Structure formats: C-alpha cells, structure tokens
Amino acid sequence: MGEQGAEREIVHLLRRVTVEFGLRQAEFAARNGMHPTDVRALVCLLDAERNGTDATAGRLGAELGLNSAGTTSLIDRLERLGHLTRTRDARDRRRVLLSVTPQAVELGWAAFGPVIGSAEALLREFDEAEVAAVRRFLLGFHAAVSARPGPRGGADRP
C-alpha cells in the first residue's frame, strides 16, 4: 500500500479496471466495425431501457457530449450496422425513440457476458453488508467522476 494508503490503492485499482474494460470495449468496437463511441452509445441506450427512460437522439447526444450532427451520424451508423432501431413514439408522433436491436444485445453478451458473469459470481461471495458497501462506494465515486468541476491544478494529482 505504501505511503498513500488503502484508499488511494482502491482508487488506482478501480482505474486499472476501467482502463482494462475500456480496452476490451475498443477491441469489441474494432472487431465489429464500430467506433468506441458507438459502444458507449449502445450502453447508454441499454441503460435507458433498464431505467424505463425514453431514449431520444437529443438525450443520447447529451449523454455522449456530441453535437446534433455527430449524434445523427452515430445513429445512422448504428442503424446501418443493424444495432439500433428508430421508432415513432406512440404517445407523441413527433418524437423518435431509439432502441438497441436483439442482434446487438446478443453480440454484446457474447463479448462481455463472461466478464459480467465473473463479476456477479464474485459479488455472490460477499455478504449483504459488503455488497452494500461496494454499491455505496461505486455510486459515490460515480457521482464524483460525473461532477463537472472547474479547471484542475495541484501537484499531487494522480
């Protein structure tokens, strides 16, 4: 652990996991004729579906930090690849809803299912309090990473 303590070690371990997972996502994208942003878009759309949130081009672009032209290009590309569908909202015909195709879900599970299964198996070894602690840490860390602070400075930044 050294001078920095267990807290810093855990943050660095989480960084290692996210870097490794990002590399796997980039490999998946390259293997399937996609851009890494395409994979992030599919994840955003799947998250919206899981949360019961309507996925629109505007929402997707905002989540990915893309302008309107970039979002349209991304959606067109994913639709051409057969990974995304656009449908008119039955409640408001002016809105177009986006969803991930079953083909894309299968492709994702084939690539990422084993690592997800490993993570779930590992968590089954934890008791309820440990799972709650992991959840609390990850939610808190996600909130910290998602915050949009001003310019950074300081010599001891990791």
N, C-alpha and C. Protein backbone atom coordinates (compact mmCIF):
# COMPACT_ATOMS: atom_id res chain seq x y z
N MET A 1 0.82 -1.21 0.00
CA MET A 1 0.00 0.00 0.00
C MET A 1 0.85 1.26 0.00
N GLY A 2 2.01 1.18 0.65
CA GLY A 2 2.92 2.31 0.62
C GLY A 2 2.39 3.50 1.40
N GLU A 3 2.90 4.68 1.03
CA GLU A 3 2.58 5.92 1.73
C GLU A 3 1.15 6.38 1.52
N GLN A 4 0.55 6.00 0.42
CA GLN A 4 -0.72 6.60 0.04
C GLN A 4 -1.93 5.96 0.71
N GLY A 5 -1.81 4.77 1.24
CA GLY A 5 -2.89 4.16 1.97
C GLY A 5 -3.84 3.34 1.12
N ALA A 6 -4.69 2.64 1.82
CA ALA A 6 -5.65 1.74 1.18
C ALA A 6 -6.62 2.48 0.27
N GLU A 7 -7.01 3.69 0.68
CA GLU A 7 -7.98 4.44 -0.12
C GLU A 7 -7.42 4.73 -1.52
N ARG A 8 -6.17 5.21 -1.58
CA ARG A 8 -5.56 5.52 -2.87
C ARG A 8 -5.36 4.25 -3.67
N GLU A 9 -4.98 3.16 -2.99
CA GLU A 9 -4.80 1.88 -3.69
C GLU A 9 -6.10 1.45 -4.35
N ILE A 10 -7.22 1.59 -3.66
CA ILE A 10 -8.51 1.19 -4.22
C ILE A 10 -8.87 2.07 -5.42
N VAL A 11 -8.62 3.36 -5.32
CA VAL A 11 -8.89 4.25 -6.45
C VAL A 11 -8.05 3.83 -7.66
N HIS A 12 -6.79 3.50 -7.43
CA HIS A 12 -5.93 3.07 -8.54
C HIS A 12 -6.37 1.71 -9.09
N LEU A 13 -6.84 0.83 -8.23
CA LEU A 13 -7.37 -0.45 -8.71
C LEU A 13 -8.61 -0.22 -9.59
N LEU A 14 -9.47 0.68 -9.16
CA LEU A 14 -10.66 0.98 -9.96
C LEU A 14 -10.24 1.57 -11.31
N ARG A 15 -9.24 2.44 -11.30
CA ARG A 15 -8.73 2.99 -12.57
C ARG A 15 -8.22 1.88 -13.46
N ARG A 16 -7.48 0.93 -12.89
CA ARG A 16 -6.97 -0.19 -13.70
C ARG A 16 -8.11 -0.98 -14.31
N VAL A 17 -9.16 -1.21 -13.54
CA VAL A 17 -10.32 -1.94 -14.06
C VAL A 17 -10.97 -1.16 -15.19
N THR A 18 -11.17 0.14 -15.00
CA THR A 18 -11.83 0.93 -16.04
C THR A 18 -10.99 1.02 -17.31
N VAL A 19 -9.68 1.14 -17.15
CA VAL A 19 -8.80 1.17 -18.33
C VAL A 19 -8.89 -0.16 -19.07
N GLU A 20 -8.80 -1.26 -18.34
CA GLU A 20 -8.86 -2.58 -18.97
C GLU A 20 -10.21 -2.80 -19.66
N PHE A 21 -11.27 -2.40 -18.98
CA PHE A 21 -12.60 -2.56 -19.57
C PHE A 21 -12.73 -1.68 -20.82
N GLY A 22 -12.17 -0.48 -20.77
CA GLY A 22 -12.18 0.40 -21.94
C GLY A 22 -11.43 -0.21 -23.12
N LEU A 23 -10.31 -0.89 -22.83
CA LEU A 23 -9.57 -1.58 -23.89
C LEU A 23 -10.41 -2.69 -24.50
N ARG A 24 -11.12 -3.44 -23.66
CA ARG A 24 -11.98 -4.51 -24.18
C ARG A 24 -13.10 -3.93 -25.04
N GLN A 25 -13.65 -2.78 -24.61
CA GLN A 25 -14.69 -2.13 -25.41
C GLN A 25 -14.14 -1.68 -26.76
N ALA A 26 -12.92 -1.13 -26.77
CA ALA A 26 -12.31 -0.67 -28.02
C ALA A 26 -12.04 -1.86 -28.95
N GLU A 27 -11.58 -2.97 -28.40
CA GLU A 27 -11.36 -4.18 -29.20
C GLU A 27 -12.67 -4.68 -29.79
N PHE A 28 -13.71 -4.69 -28.97
CA PHE A 28 -15.05 -5.10 -29.42
C PHE A 28 -15.52 -4.20 -30.56
N ALA A 29 -15.34 -2.90 -30.40
CA ALA A 29 -15.75 -1.95 -31.43
C ALA A 29 -15.01 -2.23 -32.74
N ALA A 30 -13.70 -2.37 -32.66
CA ALA A 30 -12.89 -2.61 -33.86
C ALA A 30 -13.29 -3.92 -34.55
N ARG A 31 -13.50 -4.96 -33.75
CA ARG A 31 -13.87 -6.26 -34.30
C ARG A 31 -15.22 -6.22 -35.02
N ASN A 32 -16.08 -5.29 -34.60
CA ASN A 32 -17.44 -5.25 -35.14
C ASN A 32 -17.71 -4.03 -36.00
N GLY A 33 -16.63 -3.41 -36.50
CA GLY A 33 -16.78 -2.28 -37.43
C GLY A 33 -17.41 -1.05 -36.82
N MET A 34 -17.16 -0.83 -35.52
CA MET A 34 -17.74 0.31 -34.83
C MET A 34 -16.63 1.22 -34.30
N HIS A 35 -17.04 2.40 -33.93
CA HIS A 35 -16.18 3.35 -33.24
C HIS A 35 -16.41 3.14 -31.74
N PRO A 36 -15.41 3.38 -30.89
CA PRO A 36 -15.64 3.23 -29.44
C PRO A 36 -16.85 4.03 -28.93
N THR A 37 -17.12 5.19 -29.54
CA THR A 37 -18.31 5.97 -29.14
C THR A 37 -19.59 5.21 -29.45
N ASP A 38 -19.58 4.39 -30.50
CA ASP A 38 -20.76 3.58 -30.83
C ASP A 38 -21.08 2.63 -29.68
N VAL A 39 -20.05 2.05 -29.10
CA VAL A 39 -20.25 1.11 -27.99
C VAL A 39 -20.81 1.87 -26.79
N ARG A 40 -20.26 3.04 -26.50
CA ARG A 40 -20.78 3.85 -25.40
C ARG A 40 -22.23 4.22 -25.64
N ALA A 41 -22.58 4.51 -26.89
CA ALA A 41 -23.96 4.85 -27.23
C ALA A 41 -24.88 3.67 -26.95
N LEU A 42 -24.47 2.48 -27.35
CA LEU A 42 -25.30 1.29 -27.10
C LEU A 42 -25.47 1.07 -25.61
N VAL A 43 -24.42 1.27 -24.83
CA VAL A 43 -24.51 1.14 -23.37
C VAL A 43 -25.51 2.16 -22.82
N CYS A 44 -25.43 3.40 -23.28
CA CYS A 44 -26.37 4.44 -22.83
C CYS A 44 -27.81 4.05 -23.14
N LEU A 45 -28.03 3.51 -24.34
CA LEU A 45 -29.38 3.11 -24.73
C LEU A 45 -29.88 1.94 -23.90
N LEU A 46 -29.00 0.99 -23.62
CA LEU A 46 -29.39 -0.15 -22.78
C LEU A 46 -29.68 0.31 -21.35
N ASP A 47 -28.88 1.25 -20.84
CA ASP A 47 -29.12 1.80 -19.51
C ASP A 47 -30.48 2.50 -19.46
N ALA A 48 -30.79 3.28 -20.49
CA ALA A 48 -32.08 3.98 -20.54
C ALA A 48 -33.23 2.97 -20.52
N GLU A 49 -33.09 1.92 -21.30
CA GLU A 49 -34.13 0.88 -21.33
C GLU A 49 -34.31 0.24 -19.96
N ARG A 50 -33.18 -0.10 -19.32
CA ARG A 50 -33.22 -0.71 -17.98
C ARG A 50 -33.89 0.21 -16.97
N ASN A 51 -33.68 1.52 -17.13
CA ASN A 51 -34.24 2.50 -16.20
C ASN A 51 -35.65 2.95 -16.57
N GLY A 52 -36.17 2.45 -17.70
CA GLY A 52 -37.50 2.85 -18.14
C GLY A 52 -37.55 4.27 -18.67
N THR A 53 -36.44 4.76 -19.19
CA THR A 53 -36.32 6.12 -19.72
C THR A 53 -36.38 6.08 -21.24
N ASP A 54 -37.18 6.97 -21.81
CA ASP A 54 -37.22 7.07 -23.27
C ASP A 54 -35.87 7.53 -23.80
N ALA A 55 -35.38 6.85 -24.82
CA ALA A 55 -34.10 7.21 -25.43
C ALA A 55 -34.38 7.96 -26.73
N THR A 56 -33.96 9.21 -26.75
CA THR A 56 -34.10 10.04 -27.95
C THR A 56 -32.71 10.47 -28.41
N ALA A 57 -32.65 10.98 -29.62
CA ALA A 57 -31.37 11.45 -30.15
C ALA A 57 -30.81 12.57 -29.27
N GLY A 58 -31.66 13.49 -28.84
CA GLY A 58 -31.20 14.59 -28.00
C GLY A 58 -30.61 14.12 -26.69
N ARG A 59 -31.28 13.17 -26.05
CA ARG A 59 -30.79 12.64 -24.77
C ARG A 59 -29.47 11.90 -24.98
N LEU A 60 -29.40 11.10 -26.04
CA LEU A 60 -28.19 10.34 -26.32
C LEU A 60 -27.01 11.28 -26.60
N GLY A 61 -27.24 12.29 -27.42
CA GLY A 61 -26.19 13.26 -27.72
C GLY A 61 -25.70 13.96 -26.47
N ALA A 62 -26.61 14.33 -25.59
CA ALA A 62 -26.23 15.00 -24.34
C ALA A 62 -25.40 14.07 -23.46
N GLU A 63 -25.79 12.82 -23.36
CA GLU A 63 -25.05 11.87 -22.53
C GLU A 63 -23.65 11.63 -23.07
N LEU A 64 -23.51 11.65 -24.38
CA LEU A 64 -22.21 11.38 -25.01
C LEU A 64 -21.40 12.64 -25.27
N GLY A 65 -22.01 13.81 -25.05
CA GLY A 65 -21.30 15.06 -25.31
C GLY A 65 -21.12 15.34 -26.79
N LEU A 66 -22.08 14.92 -27.61
CA LEU A 66 -22.00 15.12 -29.06
C LEU A 66 -22.93 16.23 -29.50
N ASN A 67 -22.57 16.92 -30.56
CA ASN A 67 -23.49 17.89 -31.15
C ASN A 67 -24.52 17.15 -32.00
N SER A 68 -25.47 17.88 -32.53
CA SER A 68 -26.57 17.28 -33.29
C SER A 68 -26.08 16.50 -34.51
N ALA A 69 -25.14 17.08 -35.25
CA ALA A 69 -24.63 16.40 -36.45
C ALA A 69 -23.89 15.11 -36.08
N GLY A 70 -23.09 15.16 -35.03
CA GLY A 70 -22.37 13.97 -34.58
C GLY A 70 -23.31 12.88 -34.10
N THR A 71 -24.36 13.29 -33.40
CA THR A 71 -25.35 12.33 -32.90
C THR A 71 -26.08 11.66 -34.06
N THR A 72 -26.47 12.46 -35.04
CA THR A 72 -27.16 11.91 -36.22
C THR A 72 -26.27 10.93 -36.95
N SER A 73 -25.01 11.28 -37.12
CA SER A 73 -24.06 10.40 -37.80
C SER A 73 -23.91 9.08 -37.05
N LEU A 74 -23.78 9.17 -35.74
CA LEU A 74 -23.65 7.97 -34.92
C LEU A 74 -24.90 7.08 -35.04
N ILE A 75 -26.08 7.68 -34.94
CA ILE A 75 -27.33 6.92 -35.03
C ILE A 75 -27.45 6.27 -36.40
N ASP A 76 -27.16 7.02 -37.45
CA ASP A 76 -27.22 6.46 -38.81
C ASP A 76 -26.28 5.26 -38.94
N ARG A 77 -25.07 5.40 -38.41
CA ARG A 77 -24.07 4.32 -38.49
C ARG A 77 -24.57 3.08 -37.74
N LEU A 78 -25.08 3.26 -36.53
CA LEU A 78 -25.56 2.11 -35.74
C LEU A 78 -26.78 1.46 -36.38
N GLU A 79 -27.62 2.27 -37.01
CA GLU A 79 -28.78 1.71 -37.71
C GLU A 79 -28.32 0.90 -38.93
N ARG A 80 -27.36 1.43 -39.69
CA ARG A 80 -26.83 0.70 -40.85
C ARG A 80 -26.22 -0.64 -40.44
N LEU A 81 -25.55 -0.66 -39.28
CA LEU A 81 -24.93 -1.89 -38.79
C LEU A 81 -25.94 -2.88 -38.21
N GLY A 82 -27.19 -2.44 -38.08
CA GLY A 82 -28.23 -3.31 -37.54
C GLY A 82 -28.25 -3.37 -36.02
N HIS A 83 -27.64 -2.37 -35.36
CA HIS A 83 -27.55 -2.37 -33.90
C HIS A 83 -28.59 -1.49 -33.22
N LEU A 84 -29.32 -0.70 -33.99
CA LEU A 84 -30.22 0.28 -33.42
C LEU A 84 -31.44 0.43 -34.32
N THR A 85 -32.58 0.66 -33.70
CA THR A 85 -33.79 0.98 -34.47
C THR A 85 -34.35 2.31 -34.00
N ARG A 86 -35.05 2.98 -34.93
CA ARG A 86 -35.75 4.23 -34.62
C ARG A 86 -37.24 3.95 -34.82
N THR A 87 -38.03 4.36 -33.84
CA THR A 87 -39.49 4.21 -33.97
C THR A 87 -40.16 5.48 -33.48
N ARG A 88 -41.29 5.79 -34.06
CA ARG A 88 -42.08 6.95 -33.61
C ARG A 88 -42.67 6.63 -32.25
N ASP A 89 -42.63 7.62 -31.37
CA ASP A 89 -43.23 7.49 -30.05
C ASP A 89 -44.74 7.42 -30.21
N ALA A 90 -45.36 6.38 -29.70
CA ALA A 90 -46.81 6.21 -29.83
C ALA A 90 -47.58 7.32 -29.11
N ARG A 91 -46.98 7.91 -28.07
CA ARG A 91 -47.65 8.97 -27.31
C ARG A 91 -47.46 10.35 -27.94
N ASP A 92 -46.38 10.51 -28.69
CA ASP A 92 -46.06 11.80 -29.32
C ASP A 92 -45.37 11.48 -30.64
N ARG A 93 -46.12 11.46 -31.71
CA ARG A 93 -45.62 11.03 -33.02
C ARG A 93 -44.48 11.91 -33.54
N ARG A 94 -44.26 13.08 -32.93
CA ARG A 94 -43.15 13.94 -33.35
C ARG A 94 -41.82 13.40 -32.85
N ARG A 95 -41.84 12.63 -31.77
CA ARG A 95 -40.60 12.12 -31.17
C ARG A 95 -40.21 10.78 -31.77
N VAL A 96 -38.93 10.60 -31.92
CA VAL A 96 -38.38 9.33 -32.41
C VAL A 96 -37.61 8.70 -31.25
N LEU A 97 -37.95 7.44 -30.96
CA LEU A 97 -37.30 6.71 -29.88
C LEU A 97 -36.26 5.75 -30.46
N LEU A 98 -35.18 5.61 -29.74
CA LEU A 98 -34.08 4.74 -30.16
C LEU A 98 -34.06 3.51 -29.28
N SER A 99 -33.75 2.37 -29.88
CA SER A 99 -33.58 1.15 -29.08
C SER A 99 -32.54 0.25 -29.72
N VAL A 100 -31.91 -0.54 -28.87
CA VAL A 100 -30.88 -1.47 -29.30
C VAL A 100 -31.57 -2.73 -29.83
N THR A 101 -31.07 -3.25 -30.94
CA THR A 101 -31.67 -4.45 -31.53
C THR A 101 -31.27 -5.71 -30.75
N PRO A 102 -32.08 -6.75 -30.82
CA PRO A 102 -31.69 -8.02 -30.19
C PRO A 102 -30.35 -8.54 -30.71
N GLN A 103 -30.06 -8.32 -31.99
CA GLN A 103 -28.77 -8.73 -32.57
C GLN A 103 -27.61 -8.07 -31.84
N ALA A 104 -27.73 -6.77 -31.56
CA ALA A 104 -26.67 -6.06 -30.85
C ALA A 104 -26.53 -6.54 -29.42
N VAL A 105 -27.65 -6.84 -28.78
CA VAL A 105 -27.62 -7.36 -27.41
C VAL A 105 -26.89 -8.70 -27.39
N GLU A 106 -27.20 -9.57 -28.33
CA GLU A 106 -26.53 -10.88 -28.41
C GLU A 106 -25.03 -10.71 -28.64
N LEU A 107 -24.67 -9.81 -29.52
CA LEU A 107 -23.27 -9.55 -29.80
C LEU A 107 -22.55 -9.07 -28.54
N GLY A 108 -23.18 -8.17 -27.81
CA GLY A 108 -22.60 -7.67 -26.58
C GLY A 108 -22.46 -8.74 -25.52
N TRP A 109 -23.49 -9.59 -25.37
CA TRP A 109 -23.40 -10.66 -24.37
C TRP A 109 -22.33 -11.67 -24.73
N ALA A 110 -22.17 -11.94 -26.01
CA ALA A 110 -21.12 -12.88 -26.42
C ALA A 110 -19.75 -12.35 -26.02
N ALA A 111 -19.56 -11.04 -26.12
CA ALA A 111 -18.26 -10.45 -25.80
C ALA A 111 -18.08 -10.16 -24.32
N PHE A 112 -19.12 -9.64 -23.67
CA PHE A 112 -18.98 -9.15 -22.30
C PHE A 112 -19.69 -10.02 -21.26
N GLY A 113 -20.48 -10.98 -21.70
CA GLY A 113 -21.18 -11.85 -20.76
C GLY A 113 -20.26 -12.57 -19.79
N PRO A 114 -19.15 -13.14 -20.27
CA PRO A 114 -18.26 -13.84 -19.34
C PRO A 114 -17.71 -12.95 -18.22
N VAL A 115 -17.30 -11.72 -18.55
CA VAL A 115 -16.76 -10.85 -17.51
C VAL A 115 -17.87 -10.38 -16.56
N ILE A 116 -19.06 -10.15 -17.10
CA ILE A 116 -20.20 -9.78 -16.24
C ILE A 116 -20.53 -10.95 -15.32
N GLY A 117 -20.53 -12.15 -15.87
CA GLY A 117 -20.79 -13.34 -15.05
C GLY A 117 -19.75 -13.51 -13.96
N SER A 118 -18.49 -13.24 -14.27
CA SER A 118 -17.42 -13.33 -13.26
C SER A 118 -17.64 -12.32 -12.14
N ALA A 119 -18.02 -11.11 -12.51
CA ALA A 119 -18.27 -10.07 -11.50
C ALA A 119 -19.45 -10.47 -10.62
N GLU A 120 -20.51 -11.00 -11.23
CA GLU A 120 -21.67 -11.41 -10.44
C GLU A 120 -21.32 -12.57 -9.52
N ALA A 121 -20.53 -13.52 -10.00
CA ALA A 121 -20.10 -14.65 -9.16
C ALA A 121 -19.27 -14.16 -7.98
N LEU A 122 -18.38 -13.21 -8.23
CA LEU A 122 -17.57 -12.65 -7.16
C LEU A 122 -18.45 -11.97 -6.12
N LEU A 123 -19.42 -11.19 -6.57
CA LEU A 123 -20.31 -10.50 -5.64
C LEU A 123 -21.17 -11.46 -4.82
N ARG A 124 -21.47 -12.63 -5.38
CA ARG A 124 -22.24 -13.63 -4.61
C ARG A 124 -21.44 -14.17 -3.43
N GLU A 125 -20.12 -13.99 -3.45
CA GLU A 125 -19.27 -14.40 -2.33
C GLU A 125 -19.30 -13.38 -1.20
N PHE A 126 -19.83 -12.19 -1.46
CA PHE A 126 -19.88 -11.13 -0.45
C PHE A 126 -21.18 -11.25 0.34
N ASP A 127 -21.13 -10.82 1.61
CA ASP A 127 -22.37 -10.76 2.38
C ASP A 127 -23.11 -9.46 2.03
N GLU A 128 -24.33 -9.30 2.56
CA GLU A 128 -25.15 -8.14 2.22
C GLU A 128 -24.46 -6.82 2.57
N ALA A 129 -23.80 -6.77 3.71
CA ALA A 129 -23.12 -5.54 4.12
C ALA A 129 -21.98 -5.19 3.16
N GLU A 130 -21.24 -6.20 2.71
CA GLU A 130 -20.14 -5.94 1.78
C GLU A 130 -20.68 -5.47 0.43
N VAL A 131 -21.75 -6.09 -0.04
CA VAL A 131 -22.36 -5.66 -1.31
C VAL A 131 -22.86 -4.22 -1.18
N ALA A 132 -23.47 -3.91 -0.04
CA ALA A 132 -23.96 -2.54 0.19
C ALA A 132 -22.80 -1.55 0.21
N ALA A 133 -21.67 -1.94 0.80
CA ALA A 133 -20.50 -1.06 0.83
C ALA A 133 -19.94 -0.84 -0.57
N VAL A 134 -19.86 -1.89 -1.36
CA VAL A 134 -19.38 -1.76 -2.74
C VAL A 134 -20.30 -0.85 -3.53
N ARG A 135 -21.61 -1.07 -3.39
CA ARG A 135 -22.59 -0.24 -4.10
C ARG A 135 -22.45 1.22 -3.68
N ARG A 136 -22.35 1.49 -2.38
CA ARG A 136 -22.24 2.86 -1.86
C ARG A 136 -20.97 3.52 -2.40
N PHE A 137 -19.85 2.80 -2.40
CA PHE A 137 -18.60 3.34 -2.92
C PHE A 137 -18.72 3.66 -4.41
N LEU A 138 -19.23 2.72 -5.19
CA LEU A 138 -19.32 2.94 -6.63
C LEU A 138 -20.28 4.08 -6.97
N LEU A 139 -21.41 4.15 -6.29
CA LEU A 139 -22.34 5.26 -6.54
C LEU A 139 -21.71 6.60 -6.17
N GLY A 140 -21.02 6.65 -5.04
CA GLY A 140 -20.36 7.88 -4.62
C GLY A 140 -19.24 8.27 -5.56
N PHE A 141 -18.46 7.27 -5.99
CA PHE A 141 -17.34 7.56 -6.90
C PHE A 141 -17.88 8.00 -8.26
N HIS A 142 -18.96 7.37 -8.71
CA HIS A 142 -19.58 7.78 -9.97
C HIS A 142 -20.04 9.22 -9.89
N ALA A 143 -20.64 9.60 -8.78
CA ALA A 143 -21.09 10.99 -8.60
C ALA A 143 -19.89 11.94 -8.65
N ALA A 144 -18.78 11.55 -8.03
CA ALA A 144 -17.59 12.40 -8.04
C ALA A 144 -17.02 12.53 -9.45
N VAL A 145 -16.96 11.44 -10.17
CA VAL A 145 -16.41 11.45 -11.53
C VAL A 145 -17.34 12.22 -12.48
N SER A 146 -18.64 12.12 -12.24
CA SER A 146 -19.63 12.77 -13.10
C SER A 146 -19.72 14.27 -12.89
N ALA A 147 -19.26 14.75 -11.73
CA ALA A 147 -19.30 16.18 -11.45
C ALA A 147 -18.43 16.91 -12.46
N ARG A 148 -18.82 18.10 -12.80
CA ARG A 148 -18.07 18.90 -13.78
C ARG A 148 -17.39 20.06 -13.07
N PRO A 149 -16.24 19.78 -12.42
CA PRO A 149 -15.55 20.86 -11.71
C PRO A 149 -14.86 21.82 -12.67
N GLY A 150 -14.40 22.92 -12.11
CA GLY A 150 -13.66 23.91 -12.89
C GLY A 150 -12.27 23.41 -13.22
N PRO A 151 -11.41 24.30 -13.65
CA PRO A 151 -10.03 23.90 -14.01
C PRO A 151 -9.33 23.22 -12.84
N ARG A 152 -8.54 22.24 -13.17
CA ARG A 152 -7.83 21.48 -12.14
C ARG A 152 -6.41 22.02 -11.99
N GLY A 153 -5.86 21.79 -10.83
CA GLY A 153 -4.47 22.18 -10.60
C GLY A 153 -3.94 21.39 -9.42
N GLY A 154 -2.76 21.64 -9.06
CA GLY A 154 -2.19 20.97 -7.89
C GLY A 154 -1.17 19.96 -8.30
N ALA A 155 -0.14 19.86 -7.50
CA ALA A 155 0.99 19.00 -7.84
C ALA A 155 0.77 17.55 -7.48
N ASP A 156 -0.13 17.27 -6.52
CA ASP A 156 -0.25 15.88 -6.08
C ASP A 156 -1.42 15.15 -6.73
N ARG A 157 -1.87 15.61 -7.88
CA ARG A 157 -2.95 14.91 -8.60
C ARG A 157 -2.43 13.58 -9.10
N PRO A 158 -3.26 12.52 -9.02
CA PRO A 158 -2.80 11.20 -9.51
C PRO A 158 -2.59 11.17 -11.00
